[in-house]
Amino acid sequence: MSRRHHVVIVAQNPALATALLSWLGNAGYELAIVTTFTAAKALLETKPALVISELKLGEYNGLHLALKARTVGIPTIIVGP
């Protein structure tokens, strides 16, 4: 049995979250969705295979999260304008 890749999605925009859930869920990924930088930062400890984050996350942004993820070797995709 193969292990499914764990992906963390960080999105405050419900339409973006729904689209990413649909695309990645149908592809067989194990998904976790959060809406804040703080929640996403905590999930980095689970060592996901990938983080996909919205650019704007309130006080912080997806780039802050990407830097944190990079320090532990987790690739990150930032989505935004």
PDB file of N, CA and C in Angstrom:
ATOM      1  N   MET A   1       0.840  -1.175   0.000  1.00  0.00           N
ATOM      2  CA  MET A   1       0.000   0.000   0.000  1.00  0.00           C
ATOM      3  C   MET A   1       0.886   1.239   0.000  1.00  0.00           C
ATOM      4  N   SER A   2       0.594   2.197  -0.866  1.00  0.00           N
ATOM      5  CA  SER A   2       1.403   3.411  -0.929  1.00  0.00           C
ATOM      6  C   SER A   2       0.849   4.472   0.014  1.00  0.00           C
ATOM      7  N   ARG A   3       1.721   5.280   0.538  1.00  0.00           N
ATOM      8  CA  ARG A   3       1.341   6.362   1.448  1.00  0.00           C
ATOM      9  C   ARG A   3       0.872   7.559   0.641  1.00  0.00           C
ATOM     10  N   ARG A   4      -0.274   8.117   1.015  1.00  0.00           N
ATOM     11  CA  ARG A   4      -0.762   9.312   0.327  1.00  0.00           C
ATOM     12  C   ARG A   4       0.021  10.523   0.810  1.00  0.00           C
ATOM     13  N   HIS A   5       0.281  11.433  -0.100  1.00  0.00           N
ATOM     14  CA  HIS A   5       1.016  12.645   0.252  1.00  0.00           C
ATOM     15  C   HIS A   5       0.108  13.598   1.028  1.00  0.00           C
ATOM     16  N   HIS A   6       0.648  14.104   2.124  1.00  0.00           N
ATOM     17  CA  HIS A   6      -0.075  15.035   2.986  1.00  0.00           C
ATOM     18  C   HIS A   6       0.187  16.460   2.495  1.00  0.00           C
ATOM     19  N   VAL A   7      -0.878  17.197   2.211  1.00  0.00           N
ATOM     20  CA  VAL A   7      -0.781  18.574   1.726  1.00  0.00           C
ATOM     21  C   VAL A   7      -1.570  19.477   2.665  1.00  0.00           C
ATOM     22  N   VAL A   8      -0.954  20.587   3.062  1.00  0.00           N
ATOM     23  CA  VAL A   8      -1.634  21.598   3.877  1.00  0.00           C
ATOM     24  C   VAL A   8      -2.059  22.733   2.963  1.00  0.00           C
ATOM     25  N   ILE A   9      -3.335  23.085   3.034  1.00  0.00           N
ATOM     26  CA  ILE A   9      -3.887  24.213   2.276  1.00  0.00           C
ATOM     27  C   ILE A   9      -4.219  25.315   3.269  1.00  0.00           C
ATOM     28  N   VAL A  10      -3.714  26.527   2.984  1.00  0.00           N
ATOM     29  CA  VAL A  10      -3.967  27.678   3.850  1.00  0.00           C
ATOM     30  C   VAL A  10      -4.712  28.711   3.018  1.00  0.00           C
ATOM     31  N   ALA A  11      -6.008  28.851   3.297  1.00  0.00           N
ATOM     32  CA  ALA A  11      -6.818  29.755   2.475  1.00  0.00           C
ATOM     33  C   ALA A  11      -7.921  30.389   3.307  1.00  0.00           C
ATOM     34  N   GLN A  12      -7.990  31.712   3.259  1.00  0.00           N
ATOM     35  CA  GLN A  12      -9.086  32.432   3.899  1.00  0.00           C
ATOM     36  C   GLN A  12     -10.250  32.609   2.923  1.00  0.00           C
ATOM     37  N   ASN A  13      -9.957  32.544   1.640  1.00  0.00           N
ATOM     38  CA  ASN A  13     -10.966  32.692   0.595  1.00  0.00           C
ATOM     39  C   ASN A  13     -11.671  31.345   0.395  1.00  0.00           C
ATOM     40  N   PRO A  14     -12.976  31.266   0.702  1.00  0.00           N
ATOM     41  CA  PRO A  14     -13.688  29.988   0.587  1.00  0.00           C
ATOM     42  C   PRO A  14     -13.695  29.407  -0.833  1.00  0.00           C
ATOM     43  N   ALA A  15     -13.763  30.259  -1.845  1.00  0.00           N
ATOM     44  CA  ALA A  15     -13.765  29.761  -3.230  1.00  0.00           C
ATOM     45  C   ALA A  15     -12.434  29.093  -3.571  1.00  0.00           C
ATOM     46  N   LEU A  16     -11.340  29.685  -3.137  1.00  0.00           N
ATOM     47  CA  LEU A  16     -10.024  29.095  -3.375  1.00  0.00           C
ATOM     48  C   LEU A  16      -9.887  27.772  -2.618  1.00  0.00           C
ATOM     49  N   ALA A  17     -10.315  27.753  -1.361  1.00  0.00           N
ATOM     50  CA  ALA A  17     -10.243  26.532  -0.561  1.00  0.00           C
ATOM     51  C   ALA A  17     -11.045  25.409  -1.215  1.00  0.00           C
ATOM     52  N   THR A  18     -12.242  25.719  -1.686  1.00  0.00           N
ATOM     53  CA  THR A  18     -13.094  24.724  -2.335  1.00  0.00           C
ATOM     54  C   THR A  18     -12.448  24.187  -3.605  1.00  0.00           C
ATOM     55  N   ALA A  19     -11.893  25.070  -4.410  1.00  0.00           N
ATOM     56  CA  ALA A  19     -11.255  24.642  -5.664  1.00  0.00           C
ATOM     57  C   ALA A  19     -10.057  23.738  -5.378  1.00  0.00           C
ATOM     58  N   LEU A  20      -9.203  24.133  -4.444  1.00  0.00           N
ATOM     59  CA  LEU A  20      -8.026  23.329  -4.121  1.00  0.00           C
ATOM     60  C   LEU A  20      -8.422  21.980  -3.518  1.00  0.00           C
ATOM     61  N   LEU A  21      -9.428  21.976  -2.657  1.00  0.00           N
ATOM     62  CA  LEU A  21      -9.911  20.721  -2.083  1.00  0.00           C
ATOM     63  C   LEU A  21     -10.406  19.782  -3.170  1.00  0.00           C
ATOM     64  N   SER A  22     -11.135  20.326  -4.107  1.00  0.00           N
ATOM     65  CA  SER A  22     -11.676  19.516  -5.203  1.00  0.00           C
ATOM     66  C   SER A  22     -10.559  18.930  -6.063  1.00  0.00           C
ATOM     67  N   TRP A  23      -9.655  19.777  -6.505  1.00  0.00           N
ATOM     68  CA  TRP A  23      -8.576  19.332  -7.398  1.00  0.00           C
ATOM     69  C   TRP A  23      -7.676  18.306  -6.724  1.00  0.00           C
ATOM     70  N   LEU A  24      -7.203  18.639  -5.531  1.00  0.00           N
ATOM     71  CA  LEU A  24      -6.238  17.766  -4.854  1.00  0.00           C
ATOM     72  C   LEU A  24      -6.895  16.541  -4.229  1.00  0.00           C
ATOM     73  N   GLY A  25      -8.113  16.706  -3.737  1.00  0.00           N
ATOM     74  CA  GLY A  25      -8.830  15.568  -3.170  1.00  0.00           C
ATOM     75  C   GLY A  25      -9.114  14.518  -4.225  1.00  0.00           C
ATOM     76  N   ASN A  26      -9.511  14.955  -5.411  1.00  0.00           N
ATOM     77  CA  ASN A  26      -9.774  14.023  -6.509  1.00  0.00           C
ATOM     78  C   ASN A  26      -8.499  13.337  -6.978  1.00  0.00           C
ATOM     79  N   ALA A  27      -7.350  13.960  -6.749  1.00  0.00           N
ATOM     80  CA  ALA A  27      -6.067  13.373  -7.144  1.00  0.00           C
ATOM     81  C   ALA A  27      -5.538  12.409  -6.080  1.00  0.00           C
ATOM     82  N   GLY A  28      -6.237  12.283  -4.949  1.00  0.00           N
ATOM     83  CA  GLY A  28      -5.854  11.311  -3.943  1.00  0.00           C
ATOM     84  C   GLY A  28      -4.945  11.803  -2.836  1.00  0.00           C
ATOM     85  N   TYR A  29      -4.752  13.108  -2.732  1.00  0.00           N
ATOM     86  CA  TYR A  29      -3.895  13.638  -1.666  1.00  0.00           C
ATOM     87  C   TYR A  29      -4.645  13.657  -0.334  1.00  0.00           C
ATOM     88  N   GLU A  30      -3.911  13.490   0.758  1.00  0.00           N
ATOM     89  CA  GLU A  30      -4.452  13.654   2.098  1.00  0.00           C
ATOM     90  C   GLU A  30      -4.359  15.142   2.419  1.00  0.00           C
ATOM     91  N   LEU A  31      -5.486  15.774   2.715  1.00  0.00           N
ATOM     92  CA  LEU A  31      -5.510  17.231   2.826  1.00  0.00           C
ATOM     93  C   LEU A  31      -5.854  17.706   4.230  1.00  0.00           C
ATOM     94  N   ALA A  32      -5.222  18.815   4.604  1.00  0.00           N
ATOM     95  CA  ALA A  32      -5.579  19.549   5.815  1.00  0.00           C
ATOM     96  C   ALA A  32      -5.783  20.988   5.386  1.00  0.00           C
ATOM     97  N   ILE A  33      -6.902  21.580   5.804  1.00  0.00           N
ATOM     98  CA  ILE A  33      -7.184  22.970   5.440  1.00  0.00           C
ATOM     99  C   ILE A  33      -7.227  23.809   6.699  1.00  0.00           C
ATOM    100  N   VAL A  34      -6.534  24.949   6.661  1.00  0.00           N
ATOM    101  CA  VAL A  34      -6.572  25.918   7.750  1.00  0.00           C
ATOM    102  C   VAL A  34      -6.737  27.311   7.146  1.00  0.00           C
ATOM    103  N   THR A  35      -7.119  28.266   7.984  1.00  0.00           N
ATOM    104  CA  THR A  35      -7.383  29.615   7.475  1.00  0.00           C
ATOM    105  C   THR A  35      -6.446  30.682   8.027  1.00  0.00           C
ATOM    106  N   THR A  36      -5.526  30.285   8.918  1.00  0.00           N
ATOM    107  CA  THR A  36      -4.641  31.291   9.523  1.00  0.00           C
ATOM    108  C   THR A  36      -3.179  30.881   9.446  1.00  0.00           C
ATOM    109  N   PHE A  37      -2.319  31.866   9.526  1.00  0.00           N
ATOM    110  CA  PHE A  37      -0.879  31.645   9.569  1.00  0.00           C
ATOM    111  C   PHE A  37      -0.508  30.793  10.786  1.00  0.00           C
ATOM    112  N   THR A  38      -1.090  31.110  11.926  1.00  0.00           N
ATOM    113  CA  THR A  38      -0.760  30.407  13.166  1.00  0.00           C
ATOM    114  C   THR A  38      -1.101  28.923  13.069  1.00  0.00           C
ATOM    115  N   ALA A  39      -2.265  28.616  12.543  1.00  0.00           N
ATOM    116  CA  ALA A  39      -2.668  27.210  12.386  1.00  0.00           C
ATOM    117  C   ALA A  39      -1.757  26.501  11.382  1.00  0.00           C
ATOM    118  N   ALA A  40      -1.421  27.173  10.308  1.00  0.00           N
ATOM    119  CA  ALA A  40      -0.543  26.577   9.294  1.00  0.00           C
ATOM    120  C   ALA A  40       0.847  26.331   9.866  1.00  0.00           C
ATOM    121  N   LYS A  41       1.349  27.283  10.620  1.00  0.00           N
ATOM    122  CA  LYS A  41       2.680  27.142  11.241  1.00  0.00           C
ATOM    123  C   LYS A  41       2.714  25.911  12.147  1.00  0.00           C
ATOM    124  N   ALA A  42       1.642  25.687  12.892  1.00  0.00           N
ATOM    125  CA  ALA A  42       1.577  24.515  13.769  1.00  0.00           C
ATOM    126  C   ALA A  42       1.587  23.219  12.952  1.00  0.00           C
ATOM    127  N   LEU A  43       0.936  23.218  11.791  1.00  0.00           N
ATOM    128  CA  LEU A  43       0.885  22.020  10.953  1.00  0.00           C
ATOM    129  C   LEU A  43       2.220  21.705  10.276  1.00  0.00           C
ATOM    130  N   LEU A  44       3.128  22.680  10.234  1.00  0.00           N
ATOM    131  CA  LEU A  44       4.447  22.401   9.660  1.00  0.00           C
ATOM    132  C   LEU A  44       5.155  21.300  10.442  1.00  0.00           C
ATOM    133  N   GLU A  45       4.807  21.163  11.725  1.00  0.00           N
ATOM    134  CA  GLU A  45       5.425  20.126  12.559  1.00  0.00           C
ATOM    135  C   GLU A  45       5.028  18.723  12.116  1.00  0.00           C
ATOM    136  N   THR A  46       3.946  18.589  11.342  1.00  0.00           N
ATOM    137  CA  THR A  46       3.520  17.274  10.849  1.00  0.00           C
ATOM    138  C   THR A  46       4.304  16.871   9.603  1.00  0.00           C
ATOM    139  N   LYS A  47       5.197  17.744   9.148  1.00  0.00           N
ATOM    140  CA  LYS A  47       6.045  17.499   7.970  1.00  0.00           C
ATOM    141  C   LYS A  47       5.235  17.121   6.722  1.00  0.00           C
ATOM    142  N   PRO A  48       4.345  18.032   6.283  1.00  0.00           N
ATOM    143  CA  PRO A  48       3.592  17.731   5.062  1.00  0.00           C
ATOM    144  C   PRO A  48       4.513  17.686   3.850  1.00  0.00           C
ATOM    145  N   ALA A  49       4.047  17.035   2.805  1.00  0.00           N
ATOM    146  CA  ALA A  49       4.822  16.954   1.564  1.00  0.00           C
ATOM    147  C   ALA A  49       4.827  18.289   0.839  1.00  0.00           C
ATOM    148  N   LEU A  50       3.781  19.102   1.067  1.00  0.00           N
ATOM    149  CA  LEU A  50       3.616  20.372   0.353  1.00  0.00           C
ATOM    150  C   LEU A  50       2.690  21.278   1.142  1.00  0.00           C
ATOM    151  N   VAL A  51       2.943  22.581   1.064  1.00  0.00           N
ATOM    152  CA  VAL A  51       2.033  23.593   1.605  1.00  0.00           C
ATOM    153  C   VAL A  51       1.613  24.476   0.441  1.00  0.00           C
ATOM    154  N   ILE A  52       0.311  24.693   0.323  1.00  0.00           N
ATOM    155  CA  ILE A  52      -0.223  25.642  -0.661  1.00  0.00           C
ATOM    156  C   ILE A  52      -0.927  26.726   0.137  1.00  0.00           C
ATOM    157  N   SER A  53      -0.476  27.969  -0.019  1.00  0.00           N
ATOM    158  CA  SER A  53      -1.006  29.051   0.793  1.00  0.00           C
ATOM    159  C   SER A  53      -1.458  30.236  -0.047  1.00  0.00           C
ATOM    160  N   GLU A  54      -2.522  30.837   0.412  1.00  0.00           N
ATOM    161  CA  GLU A  54      -2.969  32.109  -0.137  1.00  0.00           C
ATOM    162  C   GLU A  54      -1.947  33.167   0.282  1.00  0.00           C
ATOM    163  N   LEU A  55      -1.739  34.164  -0.558  1.00  0.00           N
ATOM    164  CA  LEU A  55      -0.756  35.209  -0.254  1.00  0.00           C
ATOM    165  C   LEU A  55      -1.152  36.004   0.981  1.00  0.00           C
ATOM    166  N   LYS A  56      -2.384  36.478   1.031  1.00  0.00           N
ATOM    167  CA  LYS A  56      -2.822  37.335   2.134  1.00  0.00           C
ATOM    168  C   LYS A  56      -3.426  36.500   3.252  1.00  0.00           C
ATOM    169  N   LEU A  57      -2.801  36.604   4.441  1.00  0.00           N
ATOM    170  CA  LEU A  57      -3.259  35.847   5.615  1.00  0.00           C
ATOM    171  C   LEU A  57      -3.363  36.751   6.836  1.00  0.00           C
ATOM    172  N   GLY A  58      -3.897  37.923   6.667  1.00  0.00           N
ATOM    173  CA  GLY A  58      -4.039  38.836   7.796  1.00  0.00           C
ATOM    174  C   GLY A  58      -2.731  39.520   8.119  1.00  0.00           C
ATOM    175  N   GLU A  59      -2.321  39.462   9.386  1.00  0.00           N
ATOM    176  CA  GLU A  59      -1.109  40.134   9.851  1.00  0.00           C
ATOM    177  C   GLU A  59       0.145  39.597   9.165  1.00  0.00           C
ATOM    178  N   TYR A  60       0.158  38.317   8.876  1.00  0.00           N
ATOM    179  CA  TYR A  60       1.265  37.688   8.158  1.00  0.00           C
ATOM    180  C   TYR A  60       0.802  37.416   6.736  1.00  0.00           C
ATOM    181  N   ASN A  61       1.667  36.790   5.956  1.00  0.00           N
ATOM    182  CA  ASN A  61       1.226  36.380   4.632  1.00  0.00           C
ATOM    183  C   ASN A  61       1.872  35.050   4.259  1.00  0.00           C
ATOM    184  N   GLY A  62       1.482  34.552   3.103  1.00  0.00           N
ATOM    185  CA  GLY A  62       1.976  33.271   2.653  1.00  0.00           C
ATOM    186  C   GLY A  62       3.484  33.218   2.492  1.00  0.00           C
ATOM    187  N   LEU A  63       4.101  34.369   2.214  1.00  0.00           N
ATOM    188  CA  LEU A  63       5.559  34.397   2.067  1.00  0.00           C
ATOM    189  C   LEU A  63       6.253  34.133   3.401  1.00  0.00           C
ATOM    190  N   HIS A  64       5.690  34.648   4.489  1.00  0.00           N
ATOM    191  CA  HIS A  64       6.226  34.350   5.822  1.00  0.00           C
ATOM    192  C   HIS A  64       6.162  32.844   6.076  1.00  0.00           C
ATOM    193  N   LEU A  65       5.038  32.258   5.704  1.00  0.00           N
ATOM    194  CA  LEU A  65       4.866  30.823   5.892  1.00  0.00           C
ATOM    195  C   LEU A  65       5.839  30.031   5.023  1.00  0.00           C
ATOM    196  N   ALA A  66       6.040  30.477   3.797  1.00  0.00           N
ATOM    197  CA  ALA A  66       6.973  29.797   2.890  1.00  0.00           C
ATOM    198  C   ALA A  66       8.390  29.796   3.461  1.00  0.00           C
ATOM    199  N   LEU A  67       8.785  30.896   4.071  1.00  0.00           N
ATOM    200  CA  LEU A  67      10.119  30.963   4.685  1.00  0.00           C
ATOM    201  C   LEU A  67      10.241  29.991   5.850  1.00  0.00           C
ATOM    202  N   LYS A  68       9.192  29.916   6.686  1.00  0.00           N
ATOM    203  CA  LYS A  68       9.204  28.967   7.808  1.00  0.00           C
ATOM    204  C   LYS A  68       9.277  27.538   7.279  1.00  0.00           C
ATOM    205  N   ALA A  69       8.481  27.233   6.261  1.00  0.00           N
ATOM    206  CA  ALA A  69       8.456  25.879   5.689  1.00  0.00           C
ATOM    207  C   ALA A  69       9.802  25.525   5.067  1.00  0.00           C
ATOM    208  N   ARG A  70      10.414  26.481   4.414  1.00  0.00           N
ATOM    209  CA  ARG A  70      11.692  26.232   3.746  1.00  0.00           C
ATOM    210  C   ARG A  70      12.775  25.819   4.738  1.00  0.00           C
ATOM    211  N   THR A  71      12.733  26.385   5.937  1.00  0.00           N
ATOM    212  CA  THR A  71      13.757  26.066   6.929  1.00  0.00           C
ATOM    213  C   THR A  71      13.716  24.596   7.344  1.00  0.00           C
ATOM    214  N   VAL A  72      12.566  23.937   7.145  1.00  0.00           N
ATOM    215  CA  VAL A  72      12.463  22.511   7.479  1.00  0.00           C
ATOM    216  C   VAL A  72      12.304  21.644   6.229  1.00  0.00           C
ATOM    217  N   GLY A  73      12.563  22.236   5.064  1.00  0.00           N
ATOM    218  CA  GLY A  73      12.584  21.474   3.826  1.00  0.00           C
ATOM    219  C   GLY A  73      11.242  21.155   3.208  1.00  0.00           C
ATOM    220  N   ILE A  74      10.214  21.947   3.512  1.00  0.00           N
ATOM    221  CA  ILE A  74       8.882  21.702   2.952  1.00  0.00           C
ATOM    222  C   ILE A  74       8.637  22.673   1.801  1.00  0.00           C
ATOM    223  N   PRO A  75       8.395  22.173   0.596  1.00  0.00           N
ATOM    224  CA  PRO A  75       8.102  23.073  -0.525  1.00  0.00           C
ATOM    225  C   PRO A  75       6.753  23.754  -0.335  1.00  0.00           C
ATOM    226  N   THR A  76       6.662  24.991  -0.815  1.00  0.00           N
ATOM    227  CA  THR A  76       5.453  25.788  -0.641  1.00  0.00           C
ATOM    228  C   THR A  76       5.086  26.487  -1.943  1.00  0.00           C
ATOM    229  N   ILE A  77       3.796  26.497  -2.222  1.00  0.00           N
ATOM    230  CA  ILE A  77       3.271  27.249  -3.374  1.00  0.00           C
ATOM    231  C   ILE A  77       2.418  28.370  -2.808  1.00  0.00           C
ATOM    232  N   ILE A  78       2.675  29.598  -3.277  1.00  0.00           N
ATOM    233  CA  ILE A  78       1.899  30.762  -2.838  1.00  0.00           C
ATOM    234  C   ILE A  78       0.983  31.171  -3.983  1.00  0.00           C
ATOM    235  N   VAL A  79      -0.303  31.346  -3.659  1.00  0.00           N
ATOM    236  CA  VAL A  79      -1.301  31.695  -4.654  1.00  0.00           C
ATOM    237  C   VAL A  79      -1.863  33.080  -4.305  1.00  0.00           C
ATOM    238  N   GLY A  80      -1.869  33.973  -5.271  1.00  0.00           N
ATOM    239  CA  GLY A  80      -2.437  35.297  -5.010  1.00  0.00           C
ATOM    240  C   GLY A  80      -2.185  36.234  -6.170  1.00  0.00           C
ATOM    241  N   PRO A  81      -2.688  37.444  -6.002  1.00  0.00           N
ATOM    242  CA  PRO A  81      -2.555  38.435  -7.078  1.00  0.00           C
ATOM    243  C   PRO A  81      -1.106  38.851  -7.278  1.00  0.00           C
TER     244      PRO A  81
END
